PDB file of all heavy atoms in Angstrom:
ATOM      1  N   ASP A   1       0.804  -1.203   0.009  1.00  0.00           N
ATOM      2  CA  ASP A   1       0.009   0.005   0.000  1.00  0.00           C
ATOM      3  C   ASP A   1       0.835   1.265  -0.006  1.00  0.00           C
ATOM      4  O   ASP A   1       0.283   2.353  -0.049  1.00  0.00           O
ATOM      5  CB  ASP A   1      -0.931   0.024   1.226  1.00  0.00           C
ATOM      6  CG  ASP A   1      -1.887  -1.127   1.237  1.00  0.00           C
ATOM      7  OD1 ASP A   1      -2.306  -1.528   0.106  1.00  0.00           O
ATOM      8  OD2 ASP A   1      -2.281  -1.619   2.329  1.00  0.00           O
ATOM      9  N   ALA A   2       2.153   1.153   0.083  1.00  0.00           N
ATOM     10  CA  ALA A   2       3.032   2.282   0.153  1.00  0.00           C
ATOM     11  C   ALA A   2       3.149   2.996  -1.199  1.00  0.00           C
ATOM     12  O   ALA A   2       3.082   2.390  -2.242  1.00  0.00           O
ATOM     13  CB  ALA A   2       4.417   1.885   0.669  1.00  0.00           C
ATOM     14  N   ALA A   3       3.384   4.300  -1.136  1.00  0.00           N
ATOM     15  CA  ALA A   3       3.596   5.089  -2.345  1.00  0.00           C
ATOM     16  C   ALA A   3       4.841   4.585  -3.040  1.00  0.00           C
ATOM     17  O   ALA A   3       5.877   4.364  -2.418  1.00  0.00           O
ATOM     18  CB  ALA A   3       3.732   6.549  -2.001  1.00  0.00           C
ATOM     19  N   GLY A   4       4.712   4.377  -4.374  1.00  0.00           N
ATOM     20  CA  GLY A   4       5.863   3.968  -5.143  1.00  0.00           C
ATOM     21  C   GLY A   4       6.000   2.464  -5.302  1.00  0.00           C
ATOM     22  O   GLY A   4       6.843   1.980  -6.089  1.00  0.00           O
ATOM     23  N   PHE A   5       5.178   1.692  -4.581  1.00  0.00           N
ATOM     24  CA  PHE A   5       5.341   0.235  -4.657  1.00  0.00           C
ATOM     25  C   PHE A   5       5.024  -0.299  -6.055  1.00  0.00           C
ATOM     26  O   PHE A   5       5.712  -1.143  -6.618  1.00  0.00           O
ATOM     27  CB  PHE A   5       4.459  -0.480  -3.614  1.00  0.00           C
ATOM     28  CG  PHE A   5       4.482  -1.974  -3.747  1.00  0.00           C
ATOM     29  CD1 PHE A   5       5.579  -2.714  -3.300  1.00  0.00           C
ATOM     30  CD2 PHE A   5       3.433  -2.673  -4.360  1.00  0.00           C
ATOM     31  CE1 PHE A   5       5.633  -4.103  -3.444  1.00  0.00           C
ATOM     32  CE2 PHE A   5       3.476  -4.027  -4.504  1.00  0.00           C
ATOM     33  CZ  PHE A   5       4.573  -4.761  -4.056  1.00  0.00           C
ATOM     34  N   THR A   6       3.943   0.188  -6.639  1.00  0.00           N
ATOM     35  CA  THR A   6       3.513  -0.333  -7.948  1.00  0.00           C
ATOM     36  C   THR A   6       4.574  -0.070  -8.959  1.00  0.00           C
ATOM     37  O   THR A   6       4.894  -0.915  -9.829  1.00  0.00           O
ATOM     38  CB  THR A   6       2.183   0.299  -8.350  1.00  0.00           C
ATOM     39  OG1 THR A   6       1.181   0.066  -7.381  1.00  0.00           O
ATOM     40  CG2 THR A   6       1.728  -0.200  -9.718  1.00  0.00           C
ATOM     41  N   GLU A   7       5.192   1.131  -8.903  1.00  0.00           N
ATOM     42  CA  GLU A   7       6.233   1.497  -9.868  1.00  0.00           C
ATOM     43  C   GLU A   7       7.489   0.641  -9.702  1.00  0.00           C
ATOM     44  O   GLU A   7       8.053   0.158 -10.744  1.00  0.00           O
ATOM     45  CB  GLU A   7       6.593   2.985  -9.726  1.00  0.00           C
ATOM     46  CG  GLU A   7       5.518   3.942 -10.153  1.00  0.00           C
ATOM     47  CD  GLU A   7       4.421   4.144  -9.098  1.00  0.00           C
ATOM     48  OE1 GLU A   7       4.541   3.549  -7.985  1.00  0.00           O
ATOM     49  OE2 GLU A   7       3.439   4.860  -9.345  1.00  0.00           O
ATOM     50  N   VAL A   8       7.884   0.411  -8.466  1.00  0.00           N
ATOM     51  CA  VAL A   8       9.117  -0.411  -8.263  1.00  0.00           C
ATOM     52  C   VAL A   8       8.863  -1.859  -8.579  1.00  0.00           C
ATOM     53  O   VAL A   8       9.727  -2.575  -9.064  1.00  0.00           O
ATOM     54  CB  VAL A   8       9.696  -0.197  -6.891  1.00  0.00           C
ATOM     55  CG1 VAL A   8       8.889  -0.988  -5.801  1.00  0.00           C
ATOM     56  CG2 VAL A   8      11.158  -0.627  -6.802  1.00  0.00           C
ATOM     57  N   GLU A   9       7.624  -2.345  -8.337  1.00  0.00           N
ATOM     58  CA  GLU A   9       7.289  -3.706  -8.733  1.00  0.00           C
ATOM     59  C   GLU A   9       7.438  -3.889 -10.208  1.00  0.00           C
ATOM     60  O   GLU A   9       7.929  -4.884 -10.713  1.00  0.00           O
ATOM     61  CB  GLU A   9       5.866  -4.013  -8.247  1.00  0.00           C
ATOM     62  CG  GLU A   9       5.469  -5.477  -8.527  1.00  0.00           C
ATOM     63  CD  GLU A   9       4.048  -5.745  -8.050  1.00  0.00           C
ATOM     64  OE1 GLU A   9       3.199  -4.772  -8.082  1.00  0.00           O
ATOM     65  OE2 GLU A   9       3.757  -6.897  -7.661  1.00  0.00           O
ATOM     66  N   ALA A  10       6.968  -2.886 -10.961  1.00  0.00           N
ATOM     67  CA  ALA A  10       7.053  -2.963 -12.435  1.00  0.00           C
ATOM     68  C   ALA A  10       8.518  -2.871 -12.852  1.00  0.00           C
ATOM     69  O   ALA A  10       8.961  -3.612 -13.784  1.00  0.00           O
ATOM     70  CB  ALA A  10       6.241  -1.819 -13.044  1.00  0.00           C
ATOM     71  N   ALA A  11       9.324  -2.059 -12.176  1.00  0.00           N
ATOM     72  CA  ALA A  11      10.762  -1.917 -12.573  1.00  0.00           C
ATOM     73  C   ALA A  11      11.476  -3.224 -12.339  1.00  0.00           C
ATOM     74  O   ALA A  11      12.438  -3.540 -13.090  1.00  0.00           O
ATOM     75  CB  ALA A  11      11.355  -0.795 -11.755  1.00  0.00           C
ATOM     76  N   LEU A  12      11.087  -4.013 -11.364  1.00  0.00           N
ATOM     77  CA  LEU A  12      11.734  -5.288 -11.128  1.00  0.00           C
ATOM     78  C   LEU A  12      11.220  -6.362 -12.023  1.00  0.00           C
ATOM     79  O   LEU A  12      11.751  -7.523 -11.970  1.00  0.00           O
ATOM     80  CB  LEU A  12      11.578  -5.661  -9.633  1.00  0.00           C
ATOM     81  CG  LEU A  12      12.409  -4.856  -8.621  1.00  0.00           C
ATOM     82  CD1 LEU A  12      11.982  -5.106  -7.205  1.00  0.00           C
ATOM     83  CD2 LEU A  12      13.900  -5.153  -8.815  1.00  0.00           C
ATOM     84  N   ALA A  13      10.220  -6.105 -12.780  1.00  0.00           N
ATOM     85  CA  ALA A  13       9.821  -6.945 -13.921  1.00  0.00           C
ATOM     86  C   ALA A  13       9.635  -8.411 -13.537  1.00  0.00           C
ATOM     87  O   ALA A  13      10.247  -9.295 -14.116  1.00  0.00           O
ATOM     88  CB  ALA A  13      10.850  -6.823 -15.094  1.00  0.00           C
ATOM     89  N   GLY A  14       8.721  -8.631 -12.566  1.00  0.00           N
ATOM     90  CA  GLY A  14       8.383 -10.002 -12.227  1.00  0.00           C
ATOM     91  C   GLY A  14       9.324 -10.669 -11.273  1.00  0.00           C
ATOM     92  O   GLY A  14       9.163 -11.852 -10.916  1.00  0.00           O
ATOM     93  N   ARG A  15      10.337  -9.933 -10.809  1.00  0.00           N
ATOM     94  CA  ARG A  15      11.335 -10.521  -9.893  1.00  0.00           C
ATOM     95  C   ARG A  15      11.059 -10.242  -8.438  1.00  0.00           C
ATOM     96  O   ARG A  15      11.846 -10.641  -7.559  1.00  0.00           O
ATOM     97  CB  ARG A  15      12.714 -10.057 -10.269  1.00  0.00           C
ATOM     98  CG  ARG A  15      13.270 -10.697 -11.595  1.00  0.00           C
ATOM     99  CD  ARG A  15      14.529 -10.062 -12.011  1.00  0.00           C
ATOM    100  NE  ARG A  15      14.315  -8.743 -12.599  1.00  0.00           N
ATOM    101  CZ  ARG A  15      15.283  -7.949 -13.072  1.00  0.00           C
ATOM    102  NH1 ARG A  15      16.533  -8.353 -13.022  1.00  0.00           N
ATOM    103  NH2 ARG A  15      14.988  -6.745 -13.592  1.00  0.00           N
ATOM    104  N   LEU A  16       9.973  -9.593  -8.120  1.00  0.00           N
ATOM    105  CA  LEU A  16       9.604  -9.290  -6.736  1.00  0.00           C
ATOM    106  C   LEU A  16       8.618 -10.295  -6.237  1.00  0.00           C
ATOM    107  O   LEU A  16       7.573 -10.528  -6.812  1.00  0.00           O
ATOM    108  CB  LEU A  16       9.030  -7.901  -6.633  1.00  0.00           C
ATOM    109  CG  LEU A  16       8.538  -7.457  -5.203  1.00  0.00           C
ATOM    110  CD1 LEU A  16       9.697  -7.476  -4.211  1.00  0.00           C
ATOM    111  CD2 LEU A  16       7.901  -6.046  -5.261  1.00  0.00           C
ATOM    112  N   ARG A  17       8.958 -10.936  -5.118  1.00  0.00           N
ATOM    113  CA  ARG A  17       8.047 -11.894  -4.457  1.00  0.00           C
ATOM    114  C   ARG A  17       7.727 -11.347  -3.060  1.00  0.00           C
ATOM    115  O   ARG A  17       8.557 -11.344  -2.175  1.00  0.00           O
ATOM    116  CB  ARG A  17       8.734 -13.276  -4.411  1.00  0.00           C
ATOM    117  CG  ARG A  17       7.842 -14.383  -3.799  1.00  0.00           C
ATOM    118  CD  ARG A  17       8.565 -15.714  -3.826  1.00  0.00           C
ATOM    119  NE  ARG A  17       7.717 -16.763  -3.339  1.00  0.00           N
ATOM    120  CZ  ARG A  17       6.820 -17.434  -4.081  1.00  0.00           C
ATOM    121  NH1 ARG A  17       6.696 -17.119  -5.355  1.00  0.00           N
ATOM    122  NH2 ARG A  17       6.067 -18.393  -3.565  1.00  0.00           N
ATOM    123  N   LEU A  18       6.474 -10.924  -2.890  1.00  0.00           N
ATOM    124  CA  LEU A  18       6.025 -10.327  -1.639  1.00  0.00           C
ATOM    125  C   LEU A  18       5.232 -11.368  -0.867  1.00  0.00           C
ATOM    126  O   LEU A  18       4.233 -11.880  -1.354  1.00  0.00           O
ATOM    127  CB  LEU A  18       5.183  -9.080  -1.898  1.00  0.00           C
ATOM    128  CG  LEU A  18       4.573  -8.383  -0.696  1.00  0.00           C
ATOM    129  CD1 LEU A  18       5.671  -7.815   0.219  1.00  0.00           C
ATOM    130  CD2 LEU A  18       3.629  -7.281  -1.144  1.00  0.00           C
ATOM    131  N   VAL A  19       5.688 -11.675   0.373  1.00  0.00           N
ATOM    132  CA  VAL A  19       4.919 -12.602   1.230  1.00  0.00           C
ATOM    133  C   VAL A  19       4.566 -11.855   2.509  1.00  0.00           C
ATOM    134  O   VAL A  19       5.346 -11.056   3.003  1.00  0.00           O
ATOM    135  CB  VAL A  19       5.751 -13.875   1.539  1.00  0.00           C
ATOM    136  CG1 VAL A  19       5.958 -14.687   0.265  1.00  0.00           C
ATOM    137  CG2 VAL A  19       7.096 -13.537   2.148  1.00  0.00           C
ATOM    138  N   GLU A  20       3.370 -12.133   3.029  1.00  0.00           N
ATOM    139  CA  GLU A  20       2.904 -11.504   4.244  1.00  0.00           C
ATOM    140  C   GLU A  20       2.647 -12.546   5.293  1.00  0.00           C
ATOM    141  O   GLU A  20       2.144 -13.618   5.006  1.00  0.00           O
ATOM    142  CB  GLU A  20       1.632 -10.696   3.910  1.00  0.00           C
ATOM    143  CG  GLU A  20       1.837  -9.563   2.952  1.00  0.00           C
ATOM    144  CD  GLU A  20       0.587  -8.810   2.586  1.00  0.00           C
ATOM    145  OE1 GLU A  20      -0.495  -9.281   3.003  1.00  0.00           O
ATOM    146  OE2 GLU A  20       0.699  -7.757   1.929  1.00  0.00           O
ATOM    147  N   GLN A  21       3.046 -12.217   6.509  1.00  0.00           N
ATOM    148  CA  GLN A  21       2.883 -13.154   7.618  1.00  0.00           C
ATOM    149  C   GLN A  21       2.777 -12.339   8.916  1.00  0.00           C
ATOM    150  O   GLN A  21       3.045 -11.133   8.950  1.00  0.00           O
ATOM    151  CB  GLN A  21       4.016 -14.159   7.693  1.00  0.00           C
ATOM    152  CG  GLN A  21       5.379 -13.561   7.974  1.00  0.00           C
ATOM    153  CD  GLN A  21       6.495 -14.602   7.972  1.00  0.00           C
ATOM    154  OE1 GLN A  21       6.457 -15.566   7.255  1.00  0.00           O
ATOM    155  NE2 GLN A  21       7.521 -14.362   8.774  1.00  0.00           N
ATOM    156  N   GLY A  22       2.427 -13.020  10.013  1.00  0.00           N
ATOM    157  CA  GLY A  22       2.457 -12.400  11.294  1.00  0.00           C
ATOM    158  C   GLY A  22       3.859 -12.023  11.720  1.00  0.00           C
ATOM    159  O   GLY A  22       4.820 -12.478  11.140  1.00  0.00           O
ATOM    160  N   ASN A  23       3.977 -11.261  12.740  1.00  0.00           N
ATOM    161  CA  ASN A  23       5.304 -10.751  13.213  1.00  0.00           C
ATOM    162  C   ASN A  23       6.063 -11.868  13.946  1.00  0.00           C
ATOM    163  O   ASN A  23       5.742 -12.168  15.127  1.00  0.00           O
ATOM    164  CB  ASN A  23       5.116  -9.543  14.089  1.00  0.00           C
ATOM    165  CG  ASN A  23       6.458  -8.897  14.434  1.00  0.00           C
ATOM    166  OD1 ASN A  23       7.469  -9.209  13.815  1.00  0.00           O
ATOM    167  ND2 ASN A  23       6.460  -8.031  15.437  1.00  0.00           N
ATOM    168  N   LEU A  24       7.040 -12.459  13.297  1.00  0.00           N
ATOM    169  CA  LEU A  24       7.914 -13.462  13.885  1.00  0.00           C
ATOM    170  C   LEU A  24       9.292 -12.912  14.116  1.00  0.00           C
ATOM    171  O   LEU A  24      10.256 -13.671  14.288  1.00  0.00           O
ATOM    172  CB  LEU A  24       7.950 -14.694  12.963  1.00  0.00           C
ATOM    173  CG  LEU A  24       6.626 -15.369  12.674  1.00  0.00           C
ATOM    174  CD1 LEU A  24       6.841 -16.593  11.748  1.00  0.00           C
ATOM    175  CD2 LEU A  24       5.939 -15.789  13.985  1.00  0.00           C
ATOM    176  N   GLY A  25       9.427 -11.555  14.089  1.00  0.00           N
ATOM    177  CA  GLY A  25      10.724 -10.929  14.380  1.00  0.00           C
ATOM    178  C   GLY A  25      11.672 -11.061  13.200  1.00  0.00           C
ATOM    179  O   GLY A  25      11.348 -11.613  12.137  1.00  0.00           O
ATOM    180  N   GLY A  26      12.916 -10.603  13.436  1.00  0.00           N
ATOM    181  CA  GLY A  26      13.918 -10.720  12.390  1.00  0.00           C
ATOM    182  C   GLY A  26      14.269 -12.148  12.040  1.00  0.00           C
ATOM    183  O   GLY A  26      14.469 -12.492  10.876  1.00  0.00           O
ATOM    184  N   SER A  27      14.312 -13.001  13.081  1.00  0.00           N
ATOM    185  CA  SER A  27      14.682 -14.392  12.772  1.00  0.00           C
ATOM    186  C   SER A  27      13.611 -15.046  11.950  1.00  0.00           C
ATOM    187  O   SER A  27      13.900 -15.844  11.006  1.00  0.00           O
ATOM    188  CB  SER A  27      14.865 -15.172  14.115  1.00  0.00           C
ATOM    189  OG  SER A  27      13.657 -15.341  14.812  1.00  0.00           O
ATOM    190  N   GLY A  28      12.291 -14.760  12.168  1.00  0.00           N
ATOM    191  CA  GLY A  28      11.222 -15.324  11.402  1.00  0.00           C
ATOM    192  C   GLY A  28      11.109 -14.701  10.047  1.00  0.00           C
ATOM    193  O   GLY A  28      10.816 -15.398   9.062  1.00  0.00           O
ATOM    194  N   GLY A  29      11.342 -13.383   9.953  1.00  0.00           N
ATOM    195  CA  GLY A  29      11.270 -12.724   8.673  1.00  0.00           C
ATOM    196  C   GLY A  29      12.383 -13.152   7.730  1.00  0.00           C
ATOM    197  O   GLY A  29      12.131 -13.464   6.544  1.00  0.00           O
ATOM    198  N   PHE A  30      13.612 -13.173   8.238  1.00  0.00           N
ATOM    199  CA  PHE A  30      14.733 -13.565   7.351  1.00  0.00           C
ATOM    200  C   PHE A  30      14.663 -15.056   7.035  1.00  0.00           C
ATOM    201  O   PHE A  30      15.019 -15.482   5.929  1.00  0.00           O
ATOM    202  CB  PHE A  30      16.041 -13.203   8.004  1.00  0.00           C
ATOM    203  CG  PHE A  30      16.408 -11.739   7.891  1.00  0.00           C
ATOM    204  CD1 PHE A  30      16.650 -10.965   9.024  1.00  0.00           C
ATOM    205  CD2 PHE A  30      16.443 -11.148   6.666  1.00  0.00           C
ATOM    206  CE1 PHE A  30      16.984  -9.649   8.903  1.00  0.00           C
ATOM    207  CE2 PHE A  30      16.781  -9.789   6.546  1.00  0.00           C
ATOM    208  CZ  PHE A  30      17.021  -9.034   7.675  1.00  0.00           C
ATOM    209  N   SER A  31      14.208 -15.859   7.976  1.00  0.00           N
ATOM    210  CA  SER A  31      14.081 -17.287   7.701  1.00  0.00           C
ATOM    211  C   SER A  31      13.007 -17.494   6.620  1.00  0.00           C
ATOM    212  O   SER A  31      13.149 -18.434   5.781  1.00  0.00           O
ATOM    213  CB  SER A  31      13.708 -18.089   8.942  1.00  0.00           C
ATOM    214  OG  SER A  31      14.757 -18.109   9.885  1.00  0.00           O
ATOM    215  N   ARG A  32      11.972 -16.671   6.610  1.00  0.00           N
ATOM    216  CA  ARG A  32      10.970 -16.817   5.571  1.00  0.00           C
ATOM    217  C   ARG A  32      11.569 -16.466   4.189  1.00  0.00           C
ATOM    218  O   ARG A  32      11.316 -17.172   3.217  1.00  0.00           O
ATOM    219  CB  ARG A  32       9.786 -15.868   5.849  1.00  0.00           C
ATOM    220  CG  ARG A  32       8.689 -15.932   4.752  1.00  0.00           C
ATOM    221  CD  ARG A  32       8.080 -17.326   4.721  1.00  0.00           C
ATOM    222  NE  ARG A  32       7.066 -17.480   3.665  1.00  0.00           N
ATOM    223  CZ  ARG A  32       5.763 -17.299   3.871  1.00  0.00           C
ATOM    224  NH1 ARG A  32       5.295 -16.879   5.043  1.00  0.00           N
ATOM    225  NH2 ARG A  32       4.914 -17.498   2.912  1.00  0.00           N
ATOM    226  N   THR A  33      12.430 -15.444   4.111  1.00  0.00           N
ATOM    227  CA  THR A  33      13.062 -15.192   2.837  1.00  0.00           C
ATOM    228  C   THR A  33      14.017 -16.296   2.411  1.00  0.00           C
ATOM    229  O   THR A  33      14.106 -16.594   1.221  1.00  0.00           O
ATOM    230  CB  THR A  33      13.826 -13.851   2.835  1.00  0.00           C
ATOM    231  OG1 THR A  33      15.014 -13.961   3.611  1.00  0.00           O
ATOM    232  CG2 THR A  33      12.973 -12.682   3.380  1.00  0.00           C
ATOM    233  N   MET A  34      14.689 -16.888   3.349  1.00  0.00           N
ATOM    234  CA  MET A  34      15.528 -18.037   3.044  1.00  0.00           C
ATOM    235  C   MET A  34      14.679 -19.233   2.502  1.00  0.00           C
ATOM    236  O   MET A  34      15.062 -19.875   1.511  1.00  0.00           O
ATOM    237  CB  MET A  34      16.277 -18.526   4.315  1.00  0.00           C
ATOM    238  CG  MET A  34      17.369 -17.634   4.829  1.00  0.00           C
ATOM    239  SD  MET A  34      18.064 -18.270   6.367  1.00  0.00           S
ATOM    240  CE  MET A  34      19.550 -17.246   6.537  1.00  0.00           C
ATOM    241  N   TYR A  35      13.583 -19.443   3.165  1.00  0.00           N
ATOM    242  CA  TYR A  35      12.685 -20.533   2.745  1.00  0.00           C
ATOM    243  C   TYR A  35      12.181 -20.288   1.302  1.00  0.00           C
ATOM    244  O   TYR A  35      12.178 -21.207   0.468  1.00  0.00           O
ATOM    245  CB  TYR A  35      11.495 -20.626   3.690  1.00  0.00           C
ATOM    246  CG  TYR A  35      10.543 -21.725   3.341  1.00  0.00           C
ATOM    247  CD1 TYR A  35      10.767 -23.060   3.714  1.00  0.00           C
ATOM    248  CD2 TYR A  35       9.372 -21.468   2.631  1.00  0.00           C
ATOM    249  CE1 TYR A  35       9.898 -24.068   3.393  1.00  0.00           C
ATOM    250  CE2 TYR A  35       8.467 -22.482   2.296  1.00  0.00           C
ATOM    251  CZ  TYR A  35       8.726 -23.781   2.666  1.00  0.00           C
ATOM    252  OH  TYR A  35       7.859 -24.778   2.365  1.00  0.00           O
ATOM    253  N   GLU A  36      11.749 -19.059   1.030  1.00  0.00           N
ATOM    254  CA  GLU A  36      11.257 -18.753  -0.326  1.00  0.00           C
ATOM    255  C   GLU A  36      12.375 -18.884  -1.362  1.00  0.00           C
ATOM    256  O   GLU A  36      12.136 -19.348  -2.496  1.00  0.00           O
ATOM    257  CB  GLU A  36      10.683 -17.318  -0.350  1.00  0.00           C
ATOM    258  CG  GLU A  36       9.468 -17.137   0.561  1.00  0.00           C
ATOM    259  CD  GLU A  36       8.283 -17.955   0.116  1.00  0.00           C
ATOM    260  OE1 GLU A  36       8.079 -18.107  -1.086  1.00  0.00           O
ATOM    261  OE2 GLU A  36       7.534 -18.425   1.001  1.00  0.00           O
ATOM    262  N   SER A  37      13.604 -18.484  -0.980  1.00  0.00           N
ATOM    263  CA  SER A  37      14.701 -18.631  -1.927  1.00  0.00           C
ATOM    264  C   SER A  37      14.988 -20.060  -2.212  1.00  0.00           C
ATOM    265  O   SER A  37      15.243 -20.432  -3.411  1.00  0.00           O
ATOM    266  CB  SER A  37      15.932 -17.935  -1.366  1.00  0.00           C
ATOM    267  OG  SER A  37      17.037 -18.028  -2.217  1.00  0.00           O
ATOM    268  N   LEU A  38      14.997 -20.937  -1.216  1.00  0.00           N
ATOM    269  CA  LEU A  38      15.269 -22.341  -1.438  1.00  0.00           C
ATOM    270  C   LEU A  38      14.173 -23.025  -2.203  1.00  0.00           C
ATOM    271  O   LEU A  38      14.459 -23.891  -3.048  1.00  0.00           O
ATOM    272  CB  LEU A  38      15.483 -23.037  -0.086  1.00  0.00           C
ATOM    273  CG  LEU A  38      16.790 -22.845   0.649  1.00  0.00           C
ATOM    274  CD1 LEU A  38      16.871 -23.741   1.865  1.00  0.00           C
ATOM    275  CD2 LEU A  38      17.986 -23.153  -0.258  1.00  0.00           C
ATOM    276  N   THR A  39      12.953 -22.697  -1.950  1.00  0.00           N
ATOM    277  CA  THR A  39      11.836 -23.480  -2.523  1.00  0.00           C
ATOM    278  C   THR A  39      11.290 -22.905  -3.836  1.00  0.00           C
ATOM    279  O   THR A  39      10.567 -23.606  -4.563  1.00  0.00           O
ATOM    280  CB  THR A  39      10.673 -23.600  -1.521  1.00  0.00           C
ATOM    281  OG1 THR A  39      10.238 -22.287  -1.138  1.00  0.00           O
ATOM    282  CG2 THR A  39      11.168 -24.361  -0.261  1.00  0.00           C
TER     283      THR A  39
END
């Protein structure tokens, strides 16, 4: 919902993967990005 998100999503041309989850802190957030990268 942030200003500029639509434009930067287009600039990354399909390479942006946005996932939403509850707050699991830095360890949970970074682990989620690791999981998405691996899978």
